Amino acid sequence: MNHFPEVIAAWLFVVGLYGIVTSRHLVHLVMCLGIIQAGTYLLLIAGGYRFPPAAAPIFETAEQTTLTSVDPIVQALTLTDIVVGAAVTALLLAITIQIHKSTGNLDPQELRLMHRP
């Protein structure tokens, strides 16, 4: 069995997590979250794929339902994940713009220091 998609998804997660931990800019932080989400997309699609190579889940007659097909529910969940990810990214970037307007800074370390009494 080929585990290449799972390895790439784990690599994307690690790279995104490393970027989040070492980020010195809020926009960079949002982009690293997008990299982690790309790993979740890949993991969902890899989980829905069946071996041996499966075909698209399009059937014209009831007799064809015995053929191996890709799980369409996982594909729908992946599309939903992409839409939710785009909305979260837009919201985080809007919050980042507001932070920049109010403080003039996008460094997370300096933002923490600004709110201490």
PDB file of N, CA and C in Angstrom:
ATOM      1  N   MET A   1       0.841  -1.174   0.000  1.00  0.00           N
ATOM      2  CA  MET A   1       0.000   0.000   0.000  1.00  0.00           C
ATOM      3  C   MET A   1       0.895   1.248   0.000  1.00  0.00           C
ATOM      4  N   ASN A   2       0.509   2.253  -0.759  1.00  0.00           N
ATOM      5  CA  ASN A   2       1.299   3.463  -0.915  1.00  0.00           C
ATOM      6  C   ASN A   2       0.898   4.486   0.149  1.00  0.00           C
ATOM      7  N   HIS A   3       1.855   4.921   0.949  1.00  0.00           N
ATOM      8  CA  HIS A   3       1.580   5.896   2.006  1.00  0.00           C
ATOM      9  C   HIS A   3       2.140   7.269   1.676  1.00  0.00           C
ATOM     10  N   PHE A   4       2.424   7.506   0.416  1.00  0.00           N
ATOM     11  CA  PHE A   4       3.006   8.779   0.003  1.00  0.00           C
ATOM     12  C   PHE A   4       2.129   9.980   0.353  1.00  0.00           C
ATOM     13  N   PRO A   5       0.806   9.954   0.101  1.00  0.00           N
ATOM     14  CA  PRO A   5      -0.017  11.118   0.465  1.00  0.00           C
ATOM     15  C   PRO A   5      -0.016  11.413   1.966  1.00  0.00           C
ATOM     16  N   GLU A   6      -0.027  10.369   2.784  1.00  0.00           N
ATOM     17  CA  GLU A   6      -0.007  10.582   4.227  1.00  0.00           C
ATOM     18  C   GLU A   6       1.311  11.190   4.682  1.00  0.00           C
ATOM     19  N   VAL A   7       2.411  10.765   4.065  1.00  0.00           N
ATOM     20  CA  VAL A   7       3.720  11.321   4.406  1.00  0.00           C
ATOM     21  C   VAL A   7       3.787  12.796   4.013  1.00  0.00           C
ATOM     22  N   ILE A   8       3.291  13.122   2.826  1.00  0.00           N
ATOM     23  CA  ILE A   8       3.288  14.518   2.384  1.00  0.00           C
ATOM     24  C   ILE A   8       2.374  15.355   3.274  1.00  0.00           C
ATOM     25  N   ALA A   9       1.228  14.817   3.678  1.00  0.00           N
ATOM     26  CA  ALA A   9       0.316  15.548   4.577  1.00  0.00           C
ATOM     27  C   ALA A   9       0.992  15.806   5.922  1.00  0.00           C
ATOM     28  N   ALA A  10       1.707  14.818   6.446  1.00  0.00           N
ATOM     29  CA  ALA A  10       2.431  15.007   7.707  1.00  0.00           C
ATOM     30  C   ALA A  10       3.536  16.044   7.547  1.00  0.00           C
ATOM     31  N   TRP A  11       4.232  16.013   6.397  1.00  0.00           N
ATOM     32  CA  TRP A  11       5.286  16.987   6.135  1.00  0.00           C
ATOM     33  C   TRP A  11       4.707  18.400   6.070  1.00  0.00           C
ATOM     34  N   LEU A  12       3.567  18.566   5.390  1.00  0.00           N
ATOM     35  CA  LEU A  12       2.926  19.872   5.321  1.00  0.00           C
ATOM     36  C   LEU A  12       2.517  20.363   6.715  1.00  0.00           C
ATOM     37  N   PHE A  13       2.028  19.454   7.543  1.00  0.00           N
ATOM     38  CA  PHE A  13       1.651  19.813   8.906  1.00  0.00           C
ATOM     39  C   PHE A  13       2.860  20.278   9.698  1.00  0.00           C
ATOM     40  N   VAL A  14       3.968  19.549   9.589  1.00  0.00           N
ATOM     41  CA  VAL A  14       5.184  19.903  10.337  1.00  0.00           C
ATOM     42  C   VAL A  14       5.748  21.234   9.848  1.00  0.00           C
ATOM     43  N   VAL A  15       5.786  21.435   8.538  1.00  0.00           N
ATOM     44  CA  VAL A  15       6.300  22.699   7.992  1.00  0.00           C
ATOM     45  C   VAL A  15       5.421  23.867   8.439  1.00  0.00           C
ATOM     46  N   GLY A  16       4.104  23.698   8.373  1.00  0.00           N
ATOM     47  CA  GLY A  16       3.200  24.758   8.815  1.00  0.00           C
ATOM     48  C   GLY A  16       3.320  25.042  10.304  1.00  0.00           C
ATOM     49  N   LEU A  17       3.448  23.993  11.093  1.00  0.00           N
ATOM     50  CA  LEU A  17       3.595  24.162  12.537  1.00  0.00           C
ATOM     51  C   LEU A  17       4.907  24.853  12.874  1.00  0.00           C
ATOM     52  N   TYR A  18       5.974  24.490  12.179  1.00  0.00           N
ATOM     53  CA  TYR A  18       7.258  25.158  12.382  1.00  0.00           C
ATOM     54  C   TYR A  18       7.143  26.638  12.019  1.00  0.00           C
ATOM     55  N   GLY A  19       6.454  26.928  10.937  1.00  0.00           N
ATOM     56  CA  GLY A  19       6.256  28.319  10.540  1.00  0.00           C
ATOM     57  C   GLY A  19       5.458  29.100  11.562  1.00  0.00           C
ATOM     58  N   ILE A  20       4.461  28.479  12.159  1.00  0.00           N
ATOM     59  CA  ILE A  20       3.659  29.153  13.179  1.00  0.00           C
ATOM     60  C   ILE A  20       4.501  29.445  14.418  1.00  0.00           C
ATOM     61  N   VAL A  21       5.295  28.476  14.828  1.00  0.00           N
ATOM     62  CA  VAL A  21       6.104  28.636  16.036  1.00  0.00           C
ATOM     63  C   VAL A  21       7.174  29.714  15.851  1.00  0.00           C
ATOM     64  N   THR A  22       7.761  29.800  14.668  1.00  0.00           N
ATOM     65  CA  THR A  22       8.863  30.732  14.440  1.00  0.00           C
ATOM     66  C   THR A  22       8.422  32.031  13.772  1.00  0.00           C
ATOM     67  N   SER A  23       7.147  32.243  13.585  1.00  0.00           N
ATOM     68  CA  SER A  23       6.658  33.401  12.843  1.00  0.00           C
ATOM     69  C   SER A  23       6.910  34.706  13.591  1.00  0.00           C
ATOM     70  N   ARG A  24       7.369  35.708  12.835  1.00  0.00           N
ATOM     71  CA  ARG A  24       7.564  37.051  13.372  1.00  0.00           C
ATOM     72  C   ARG A  24       6.671  38.061  12.656  1.00  0.00           C
ATOM     73  N   HIS A  25       5.639  37.562  11.956  1.00  0.00           N
ATOM     74  CA  HIS A  25       4.736  38.427  11.200  1.00  0.00           C
ATOM     75  C   HIS A  25       3.373  37.758  11.155  1.00  0.00           C
ATOM     76  N   LEU A  26       2.316  38.528  11.386  1.00  0.00           N
ATOM     77  CA  LEU A  26       0.979  37.930  11.458  1.00  0.00           C
ATOM     78  C   LEU A  26       0.504  37.386  10.112  1.00  0.00           C
ATOM     79  N   VAL A  27       0.870  38.028   9.014  1.00  0.00           N
ATOM     80  CA  VAL A  27       0.468  37.513   7.701  1.00  0.00           C
ATOM     81  C   VAL A  27       1.166  36.177   7.434  1.00  0.00           C
ATOM     82  N   HIS A  28       2.422  36.068   7.834  1.00  0.00           N
ATOM     83  CA  HIS A  28       3.150  34.798   7.701  1.00  0.00           C
ATOM     84  C   HIS A  28       2.467  33.713   8.523  1.00  0.00           C
ATOM     85  N   LEU A  29       2.001  34.078   9.693  1.00  0.00           N
ATOM     86  CA  LEU A  29       1.305  33.129  10.563  1.00  0.00           C
ATOM     87  C   LEU A  29       0.032  32.606   9.902  1.00  0.00           C
ATOM     88  N   VAL A  30      -0.726  33.500   9.261  1.00  0.00           N
ATOM     89  CA  VAL A  30      -1.959  33.098   8.570  1.00  0.00           C
ATOM     90  C   VAL A  30      -1.629  32.172   7.400  1.00  0.00           C
ATOM     91  N   MET A  31      -0.562  32.466   6.675  1.00  0.00           N
ATOM     92  CA  MET A  31      -0.175  31.616   5.544  1.00  0.00           C
ATOM     93  C   MET A  31       0.278  30.232   6.016  1.00  0.00           C
ATOM     94  N   CYS A  32       0.933  30.177   7.162  1.00  0.00           N
ATOM     95  CA  CYS A  32       1.337  28.872   7.713  1.00  0.00           C
ATOM     96  C   CYS A  32       0.118  28.047   8.122  1.00  0.00           C
ATOM     97  N   LEU A  33      -0.924  28.705   8.605  1.00  0.00           N
ATOM     98  CA  LEU A  33      -2.175  27.992   8.879  1.00  0.00           C
ATOM     99  C   LEU A  33      -2.760  27.426   7.591  1.00  0.00           C
ATOM    100  N   GLY A  34      -2.630  28.168   6.491  1.00  0.00           N
ATOM    101  CA  GLY A  34      -3.080  27.671   5.186  1.00  0.00           C
ATOM    102  C   GLY A  34      -2.298  26.446   4.738  1.00  0.00           C
ATOM    103  N   ILE A  35      -1.011  26.400   5.050  1.00  0.00           N
ATOM    104  CA  ILE A  35      -0.205  25.222   4.705  1.00  0.00           C
ATOM    105  C   ILE A  35      -0.680  24.013   5.497  1.00  0.00           C
ATOM    106  N   ILE A  36      -0.989  24.206   6.761  1.00  0.00           N
ATOM    107  CA  ILE A  36      -1.513  23.096   7.567  1.00  0.00           C
ATOM    108  C   ILE A  36      -2.847  22.623   7.007  1.00  0.00           C
ATOM    109  N   GLN A  37      -3.693  23.553   6.570  1.00  0.00           N
ATOM    110  CA  GLN A  37      -4.968  23.153   5.987  1.00  0.00           C
ATOM    111  C   GLN A  37      -4.781  22.395   4.688  1.00  0.00           C
ATOM    112  N   ALA A  38      -3.778  22.742   3.910  1.00  0.00           N
ATOM    113  CA  ALA A  38      -3.502  21.989   2.685  1.00  0.00           C
ATOM    114  C   ALA A  38      -3.164  20.541   3.018  1.00  0.00           C
ATOM    115  N   GLY A  39      -2.482  20.331   4.129  1.00  0.00           N
ATOM    116  CA  GLY A  39      -2.210  18.970   4.574  1.00  0.00           C
ATOM    117  C   GLY A  39      -3.488  18.219   4.932  1.00  0.00           C
ATOM    118  N   THR A  40      -4.463  18.933   5.519  1.00  0.00           N
ATOM    119  CA  THR A  40      -5.721  18.260   5.846  1.00  0.00           C
ATOM    120  C   THR A  40      -6.490  17.903   4.579  1.00  0.00           C
ATOM    121  N   TYR A  41      -6.420  18.763   3.553  1.00  0.00           N
ATOM    122  CA  TYR A  41      -7.083  18.436   2.287  1.00  0.00           C
ATOM    123  C   TYR A  41      -6.501  17.156   1.708  1.00  0.00           C
ATOM    124  N   LEU A  42      -5.185  17.097   1.686  1.00  0.00           N
ATOM    125  CA  LEU A  42      -4.513  15.928   1.124  1.00  0.00           C
ATOM    126  C   LEU A  42      -4.836  14.672   1.925  1.00  0.00           C
ATOM    127  N   LEU A  43      -4.879  14.802   3.243  1.00  0.00           N
ATOM    128  CA  LEU A  43      -5.192  13.645   4.083  1.00  0.00           C
ATOM    129  C   LEU A  43      -6.621  13.164   3.869  1.00  0.00           C
ATOM    130  N   LEU A  44      -7.566  14.084   3.711  1.00  0.00           N
ATOM    131  CA  LEU A  44      -8.947  13.688   3.446  1.00  0.00           C
ATOM    132  C   LEU A  44      -9.088  12.983   2.102  1.00  0.00           C
ATOM    133  N   ILE A  45      -8.476  13.544   1.072  1.00  0.00           N
ATOM    134  CA  ILE A  45      -8.564  12.920  -0.256  1.00  0.00           C
ATOM    135  C   ILE A  45      -7.878  11.556  -0.258  1.00  0.00           C
ATOM    136  N   ALA A  46      -6.742  11.447   0.401  1.00  0.00           N
ATOM    137  CA  ALA A  46      -6.043  10.158   0.467  1.00  0.00           C
ATOM    138  C   ALA A  46      -6.864   9.131   1.232  1.00  0.00           C
ATOM    139  N   GLY A  47      -7.592   9.581   2.260  1.00  0.00           N
ATOM    140  CA  GLY A  47      -8.426   8.660   3.020  1.00  0.00           C
ATOM    141  C   GLY A  47      -9.633   8.167   2.239  1.00  0.00           C
ATOM    142  N   GLY A  48     -10.130   8.975   1.327  1.00  0.00           N
ATOM    143  CA  GLY A  48     -11.288   8.573   0.538  1.00  0.00           C
ATOM    144  C   GLY A  48     -10.941   7.723  -0.668  1.00  0.00           C
ATOM    145  N   TYR A  49      -9.665   7.693  -1.015  1.00  0.00           N
ATOM    146  CA  TYR A  49      -9.233   6.916  -2.173  1.00  0.00           C
ATOM    147  C   TYR A  49      -9.141   5.446  -1.792  1.00  0.00           C
ATOM    148  N   ARG A  50      -9.610   4.571  -2.660  1.00  0.00           N
ATOM    149  CA  ARG A  50      -9.597   3.142  -2.362  1.00  0.00           C
ATOM    150  C   ARG A  50      -8.683   2.412  -3.327  1.00  0.00           C
ATOM    151  N   PHE A  51      -8.067   1.365  -2.851  1.00  0.00           N
ATOM    152  CA  PHE A  51      -7.179   0.550  -3.682  1.00  0.00           C
ATOM    153  C   PHE A  51      -7.875  -0.741  -4.039  1.00  0.00           C
ATOM    154  N   PRO A  52      -7.753  -1.295  -5.210  1.00  0.00           N
ATOM    155  CA  PRO A  52      -6.970  -0.855  -6.360  1.00  0.00           C
ATOM    156  C   PRO A  52      -7.534   0.447  -6.913  1.00  0.00           C
ATOM    157  N   PRO A  53      -6.838   1.057  -7.870  1.00  0.00           N
ATOM    158  CA  PRO A  53      -7.280   2.362  -8.359  1.00  0.00           C
ATOM    159  C   PRO A  53      -8.779   2.400  -8.646  1.00  0.00           C
ATOM    160  N   ALA A  54      -9.425   3.388  -8.058  1.00  0.00           N
ATOM    161  CA  ALA A  54     -10.874   3.497  -8.150  1.00  0.00           C
ATOM    162  C   ALA A  54     -11.262   4.525  -9.198  1.00  0.00           C
ATOM    163  N   ALA A  55     -12.488   4.425  -9.641  1.00  0.00           N
ATOM    164  CA  ALA A  55     -13.020   5.340 -10.647  1.00  0.00           C
ATOM    165  C   ALA A  55     -13.918   6.373  -9.978  1.00  0.00           C
ATOM    166  N   ALA A  56     -14.364   7.324 -10.761  1.00  0.00           N
ATOM    167  CA  ALA A  56     -15.301   8.326 -10.257  1.00  0.00           C
ATOM    168  C   ALA A  56     -16.629   7.649  -9.911  1.00  0.00           C
ATOM    169  N   PRO A  57     -17.335   8.130  -8.890  1.00  0.00           N
ATOM    170  CA  PRO A  57     -18.582   7.496  -8.460  1.00  0.00           C
ATOM    171  C   PRO A  57     -19.770   7.889  -9.332  1.00  0.00           C
ATOM    172  N   ILE A  58     -19.685   7.611 -10.634  1.00  0.00           N
ATOM    173  CA  ILE A  58     -20.772   7.893 -11.565  1.00  0.00           C
ATOM    174  C   ILE A  58     -21.263   6.557 -12.104  1.00  0.00           C
ATOM    175  N   PHE A  59     -22.509   6.209 -11.805  1.00  0.00           N
ATOM    176  CA  PHE A  59     -23.077   4.930 -12.215  1.00  0.00           C
ATOM    177  C   PHE A  59     -24.341   5.167 -13.029  1.00  0.00           C
ATOM    178  N   GLU A  60     -24.440   4.441 -14.136  1.00  0.00           N
ATOM    179  CA  GLU A  60     -25.630   4.572 -14.975  1.00  0.00           C
ATOM    180  C   GLU A  60     -26.673   3.499 -14.656  1.00  0.00           C
ATOM    181  N   THR A  61     -26.219   2.339 -14.220  1.00  0.00           N
ATOM    182  CA  THR A  61     -27.141   1.256 -13.878  1.00  0.00           C
ATOM    183  C   THR A  61     -26.780   0.709 -12.510  1.00  0.00           C
ATOM    184  N   ALA A  62     -27.711  -0.054 -11.943  1.00  0.00           N
ATOM    185  CA  ALA A  62     -27.494  -0.620 -10.615  1.00  0.00           C
ATOM    186  C   ALA A  62     -26.421  -1.699 -10.625  1.00  0.00           C
ATOM    187  N   GLU A  63     -26.167  -2.343 -11.747  1.00  0.00           N
ATOM    188  CA  GLU A  63     -25.166  -3.401 -11.803  1.00  0.00           C
ATOM    189  C   GLU A  63     -23.750  -2.856 -11.648  1.00  0.00           C
ATOM    190  N   GLN A  64     -23.555  -1.594 -11.957  1.00  0.00           N
ATOM    191  CA  GLN A  64     -22.225  -1.017 -11.878  1.00  0.00           C
ATOM    192  C   GLN A  64     -21.828  -0.622 -10.459  1.00  0.00           C
ATOM    193  N   THR A  65     -22.715  -0.737  -9.511  1.00  0.00           N
ATOM    194  CA  THR A  65     -22.388  -0.333  -8.146  1.00  0.00           C
ATOM    195  C   THR A  65     -21.408  -1.287  -7.485  1.00  0.00           C
ATOM    196  N   THR A  66     -21.129  -2.440  -8.076  1.00  0.00           N
ATOM    197  CA  THR A  66     -20.161  -3.363  -7.500  1.00  0.00           C
ATOM    198  C   THR A  66     -18.728  -2.967  -7.836  1.00  0.00           C
ATOM    199  N   LEU A  67     -18.537  -2.030  -8.753  1.00  0.00           N
ATOM    200  CA  LEU A  67     -17.199  -1.567  -9.096  1.00  0.00           C
ATOM    201  C   LEU A  67     -16.621  -0.726  -7.964  1.00  0.00           C
ATOM    202  N   THR A  68     -15.304  -0.727  -7.880  1.00  0.00           N
ATOM    203  CA  THR A  68     -14.640   0.082  -6.869  1.00  0.00           C
ATOM    204  C   THR A  68     -14.699   1.549  -7.278  1.00  0.00           C
ATOM    205  N   SER A  69     -15.120   2.389  -6.360  1.00  0.00           N
ATOM    206  CA  SER A  69     -15.206   3.816  -6.659  1.00  0.00           C
ATOM    207  C   SER A  69     -14.646   4.628  -5.496  1.00  0.00           C
ATOM    208  N   VAL A  70     -14.317   5.856  -5.791  1.00  0.00           N
ATOM    209  CA  VAL A  70     -13.843   6.778  -4.776  1.00  0.00           C
ATOM    210  C   VAL A  70     -15.037   7.220  -3.936  1.00  0.00           C
ATOM    211  N   ASP A  71     -14.824   7.411  -2.643  1.00  0.00           N
ATOM    212  CA  ASP A  71     -15.908   7.795  -1.749  1.00  0.00           C
ATOM    213  C   ASP A  71     -16.309   9.252  -1.999  1.00  0.00           C
ATOM    214  N   PRO A  72     -17.520   9.514  -2.467  1.00  0.00           N
ATOM    215  CA  PRO A  72     -17.915  10.895  -2.764  1.00  0.00           C
ATOM    216  C   PRO A  72     -18.150  11.736  -1.517  1.00  0.00           C
ATOM    217  N   ILE A  73     -18.409  11.122  -0.380  1.00  0.00           N
ATOM    218  CA  ILE A  73     -18.636  11.878   0.849  1.00  0.00           C
ATOM    219  C   ILE A  73     -17.345  12.563   1.286  1.00  0.00           C
ATOM    220  N   VAL A  74     -16.229  11.870   1.144  1.00  0.00           N
ATOM    221  CA  VAL A  74     -14.944  12.468   1.510  1.00  0.00           C
ATOM    222  C   VAL A  74     -14.620  13.635   0.577  1.00  0.00           C
ATOM    223  N   GLN A  75     -14.963  13.503  -0.693  1.00  0.00           N
ATOM    224  CA  GLN A  75     -14.742  14.607  -1.623  1.00  0.00           C
ATOM    225  C   GLN A  75     -15.600  15.811  -1.242  1.00  0.00           C
ATOM    226  N   ALA A  76     -16.826  15.571  -0.833  1.00  0.00           N
ATOM    227  CA  ALA A  76     -17.697  16.673  -0.401  1.00  0.00           C
ATOM    228  C   ALA A  76     -17.170  17.318   0.878  1.00  0.00           C
ATOM    229  N   LEU A  77     -16.655  16.509   1.798  1.00  0.00           N
ATOM    230  CA  LEU A  77     -16.069  17.059   3.020  1.00  0.00           C
ATOM    231  C   LEU A  77     -14.826  17.891   2.720  1.00  0.00           C
ATOM    232  N   THR A  78     -14.048  17.464   1.741  1.00  0.00           N
ATOM    233  CA  THR A  78     -12.860  18.225   1.362  1.00  0.00           C
ATOM    234  C   THR A  78     -13.253  19.570   0.768  1.00  0.00           C
ATOM    235  N   LEU A  79     -14.267  19.583  -0.083  1.00  0.00           N
ATOM    236  CA  LEU A  79     -14.743  20.859  -0.625  1.00  0.00           C
ATOM    237  C   LEU A  79     -15.262  21.772   0.482  1.00  0.00           C
ATOM    238  N   THR A  80     -15.960  21.199   1.442  1.00  0.00           N
ATOM    239  CA  THR A  80     -16.432  21.982   2.580  1.00  0.00           C
ATOM    240  C   THR A  80     -15.262  22.526   3.377  1.00  0.00           C
ATOM    241  N   ASP A  81     -14.228  21.709   3.564  1.00  0.00           N
ATOM    242  CA  ASP A  81     -13.025  22.134   4.275  1.00  0.00           C
ATOM    243  C   ASP A  81     -12.345  23.289   3.543  1.00  0.00           C
ATOM    244  N   ILE A  82     -12.318  23.247   2.230  1.00  0.00           N
ATOM    245  CA  ILE A  82     -11.701  24.322   1.448  1.00  0.00           C
ATOM    246  C   ILE A  82     -12.488  25.625   1.628  1.00  0.00           C
ATOM    247  N   VAL A  83     -13.807  25.548   1.603  1.00  0.00           N
ATOM    248  CA  VAL A  83     -14.636  26.755   1.765  1.00  0.00           C
ATOM    249  C   VAL A  83     -14.465  27.327   3.170  1.00  0.00           C
ATOM    250  N   VAL A  84     -14.492  26.478   4.179  1.00  0.00           N
ATOM    251  CA  VAL A  84     -14.307  26.944   5.550  1.00  0.00           C
ATOM    252  C   VAL A  84     -12.901  27.533   5.717  1.00  0.00           C
ATOM    253  N   GLY A  85     -11.903  26.899   5.117  1.00  0.00           N
ATOM    254  CA  GLY A  85     -10.540  27.410   5.193  1.00  0.00           C
ATOM    255  C   GLY A  85     -10.395  28.773   4.549  1.00  0.00           C
ATOM    256  N   ALA A  86     -11.060  28.990   3.428  1.00  0.00           N
ATOM    257  CA  ALA A  86     -11.013  30.303   2.770  1.00  0.00           C
ATOM    258  C   ALA A  86     -11.691  31.360   3.635  1.00  0.00           C
ATOM    259  N   ALA A  87     -12.792  31.005   4.267  1.00  0.00           N
ATOM    260  CA  ALA A  87     -13.488  31.961   5.132  1.00  0.00           C
ATOM    261  C   ALA A  87     -12.649  32.299   6.365  1.00  0.00           C
ATOM    262  N   VAL A  88     -12.022  31.298   6.972  1.00  0.00           N
ATOM    263  CA  VAL A  88     -11.181  31.537   8.144  1.00  0.00           C
ATOM    264  C   VAL A  88      -9.971  32.389   7.767  1.00  0.00           C
ATOM    265  N   THR A  89      -9.373  32.110   6.618  1.00  0.00           N
ATOM    266  CA  THR A  89      -8.230  32.900   6.162  1.00  0.00           C
ATOM    267  C   THR A  89      -8.629  34.345   5.926  1.00  0.00           C
ATOM    268  N   ALA A  90      -9.778  34.565   5.305  1.00  0.00           N
ATOM    269  CA  ALA A  90     -10.252  35.935   5.080  1.00  0.00           C
ATOM    270  C   ALA A  90     -10.504  36.644   6.405  1.00  0.00           C
ATOM    271  N   LEU A  91     -11.094  35.961   7.363  1.00  0.00           N
ATOM    272  CA  LEU A  91     -11.359  36.566   8.661  1.00  0.00           C
ATOM    273  C   LEU A  91     -10.057  36.907   9.385  1.00  0.00           C
ATOM    274  N   LEU A  92      -9.095  35.989   9.373  1.00  0.00           N
ATOM    275  CA  LEU A  92      -7.818  36.248  10.038  1.00  0.00           C
ATOM    276  C   LEU A  92      -7.056  37.397   9.380  1.00  0.00           C
ATOM    277  N   LEU A  93      -7.119  37.483   8.049  1.00  0.00           N
ATOM    278  CA  LEU A  93      -6.457  38.597   7.374  1.00  0.00           C
ATOM    279  C   LEU A  93      -7.160  39.920   7.672  1.00  0.00           C
ATOM    280  N   ALA A  94      -8.478  39.900   7.808  1.00  0.00           N
ATOM    281  CA  ALA A  94      -9.201  41.116   8.183  1.00  0.00           C
ATOM    282  C   ALA A  94      -8.828  41.553   9.600  1.00  0.00           C
ATOM    283  N   ILE A  95      -8.695  40.600  10.505  1.00  0.00           N
ATOM    284  CA  ILE A  95      -8.261  40.926  11.871  1.00  0.00           C
ATOM    285  C   ILE A  95      -6.836  41.465  11.859  1.00  0.00           C
ATOM    286  N   THR A  96      -5.989  40.891  11.014  1.00  0.00           N
ATOM    287  CA  THR A  96      -4.611  41.360  10.898  1.00  0.00           C
ATOM    288  C   THR A  96      -4.571  42.801  10.396  1.00  0.00           C
ATOM    289  N   ILE A  97      -5.412  43.144   9.440  1.00  0.00           N
ATOM    290  CA  ILE A  97      -5.473  44.521   8.937  1.00  0.00           C
ATOM    291  C   ILE A  97      -5.900  45.472  10.053  1.00  0.00           C
ATOM    292  N   GLN A  98      -6.875  45.067  10.847  1.00  0.00           N
ATOM    293  CA  GLN A  98      -7.331  45.922  11.945  1.00  0.00           C
ATOM    294  C   GLN A  98      -6.244  46.086  13.012  1.00  0.00           C
ATOM    295  N   ILE A  99      -5.495  45.026  13.279  1.00  0.00           N
ATOM    296  CA  ILE A  99      -4.389  45.124  14.240  1.00  0.00           C
ATOM    297  C   ILE A  99      -3.334  46.091  13.717  1.00  0.00           C
ATOM    298  N   HIS A 100      -3.047  46.010  12.424  1.00  0.00           N
ATOM    299  CA  HIS A 100      -2.050  46.907  11.844  1.00  0.00           C
ATOM    300  C   HIS A 100      -2.528  48.360  11.868  1.00  0.00           C
ATOM    301  N   LYS A 101      -3.817  48.576  11.626  1.00  0.00           N
ATOM    302  CA  LYS A 101      -4.361  49.939  11.673  1.00  0.00           C
ATOM    303  C   LYS A 101      -4.294  50.525  13.083  1.00  0.00           C
ATOM    304  N   SER A 102      -4.563  49.703  14.093  1.00  0.00           N
ATOM    305  CA  SER A 102      -4.615  50.230  15.451  1.00  0.00           C
ATOM    306  C   SER A 102      -3.245  50.319  16.120  1.00  0.00           C
ATOM    307  N   THR A 103      -2.321  49.432  15.771  1.00  0.00           N
ATOM    308  CA  THR A 103      -1.017  49.434  16.444  1.00  0.00           C
ATOM    309  C   THR A 103       0.134  49.829  15.526  1.00  0.00           C
ATOM    310  N   GLY A 104      -0.038  49.668  14.224  1.00  0.00           N
ATOM    311  CA  GLY A 104       1.050  49.960  13.299  1.00  0.00           C
ATOM    312  C   GLY A 104       2.120  48.890  13.292  1.00  0.00           C
ATOM    313  N   ASN A 105       1.819  47.738  13.843  1.00  0.00           N
ATOM    314  CA  ASN A 105       2.807  46.672  13.983  1.00  0.00           C
ATOM    315  C   ASN A 105       2.152  45.326  13.708  1.00  0.00           C
ATOM    316  N   LEU A 106       2.925  44.389  13.154  1.00  0.00           N
ATOM    317  CA  LEU A 106       2.410  43.040  12.895  1.00  0.00           C
ATOM    318  C   LEU A 106       3.276  41.949  13.521  1.00  0.00           C
ATOM    319  N   ASP A 107       4.175  42.315  14.406  1.00  0.00           N
ATOM    320  CA  ASP A 107       5.024  41.328  15.077  1.00  0.00           C
ATOM    321  C   ASP A 107       4.289  40.804  16.310  1.00  0.00           C
ATOM    322  N   PRO A 108       4.002  39.493  16.374  1.00  0.00           N
ATOM    323  CA  PRO A 108       3.249  38.955  17.522  1.00  0.00           C
ATOM    324  C   PRO A 108       3.955  39.148  18.859  1.00  0.00           C
ATOM    325  N   GLN A 109       5.286  39.122  18.878  1.00  0.00           N
ATOM    326  CA  GLN A 109       6.020  39.308  20.138  1.00  0.00           C
ATOM    327  C   GLN A 109       5.839  40.726  20.680  1.00  0.00           C
ATOM    328  N   GLU A 110       5.888  41.694  19.795  1.00  0.00           N
ATOM    329  CA  GLU A 110       5.722  43.082  20.234  1.00  0.00           C
ATOM    330  C   GLU A 110       4.269  43.372  20.599  1.00  0.00           C
ATOM    331  N   LEU A 111       3.320  42.706  19.979  1.00  0.00           N
ATOM    332  CA  LEU A 111       1.917  42.913  20.332  1.00  0.00           C
ATOM    333  C   LEU A 111       1.634  42.419  21.740  1.00  0.00           C
ATOM    334  N   ARG A 112       2.296  41.344  22.161  1.00  0.00           N
ATOM    335  CA  ARG A 112       2.137  40.853  23.524  1.00  0.00           C
ATOM    336  C   ARG A 112       2.665  41.875  24.527  1.00  0.00           C
ATOM    337  N   LEU A 113       3.790  42.498  24.212  1.00  0.00           N
ATOM    338  CA  LEU A 113       4.372  43.459  25.127  1.00  0.00           C
ATOM    339  C   LEU A 113       3.542  44.727  25.241  1.00  0.00           C
ATOM    340  N   MET A 114       2.774  45.067  24.234  1.00  0.00           N
ATOM    341  CA  MET A 114       1.986  46.292  24.236  1.00  0.00           C
ATOM    342  C   MET A 114       0.818  46.226  25.220  1.00  0.00           C
ATOM    343  N   HIS A 115       0.328  45.049  25.544  1.00  0.00           N
ATOM    344  CA  HIS A 115      -0.859  44.913  26.377  1.00  0.00           C
ATOM    345  C   HIS A 115      -0.546  44.604  27.834  1.00  0.00           C
ATOM    346  N   ARG A 116       0.716  44.566  28.213  1.00  0.00           N
ATOM    347  CA  ARG A 116       1.058  44.316  29.611  1.00  0.00           C
ATOM    348  C   ARG A 116       0.981  45.608  30.395  1.00  0.00           C
ATOM    349  N   PRO A 117       0.468  45.531  31.634  1.00  0.00           N
ATOM    350  CA  PRO A 117       0.367  46.757  32.453  1.00  0.00           C
ATOM    351  C   PRO A 117       1.712  47.229  32.980  1.00  0.00           C
TER     352      PRO A 117
END
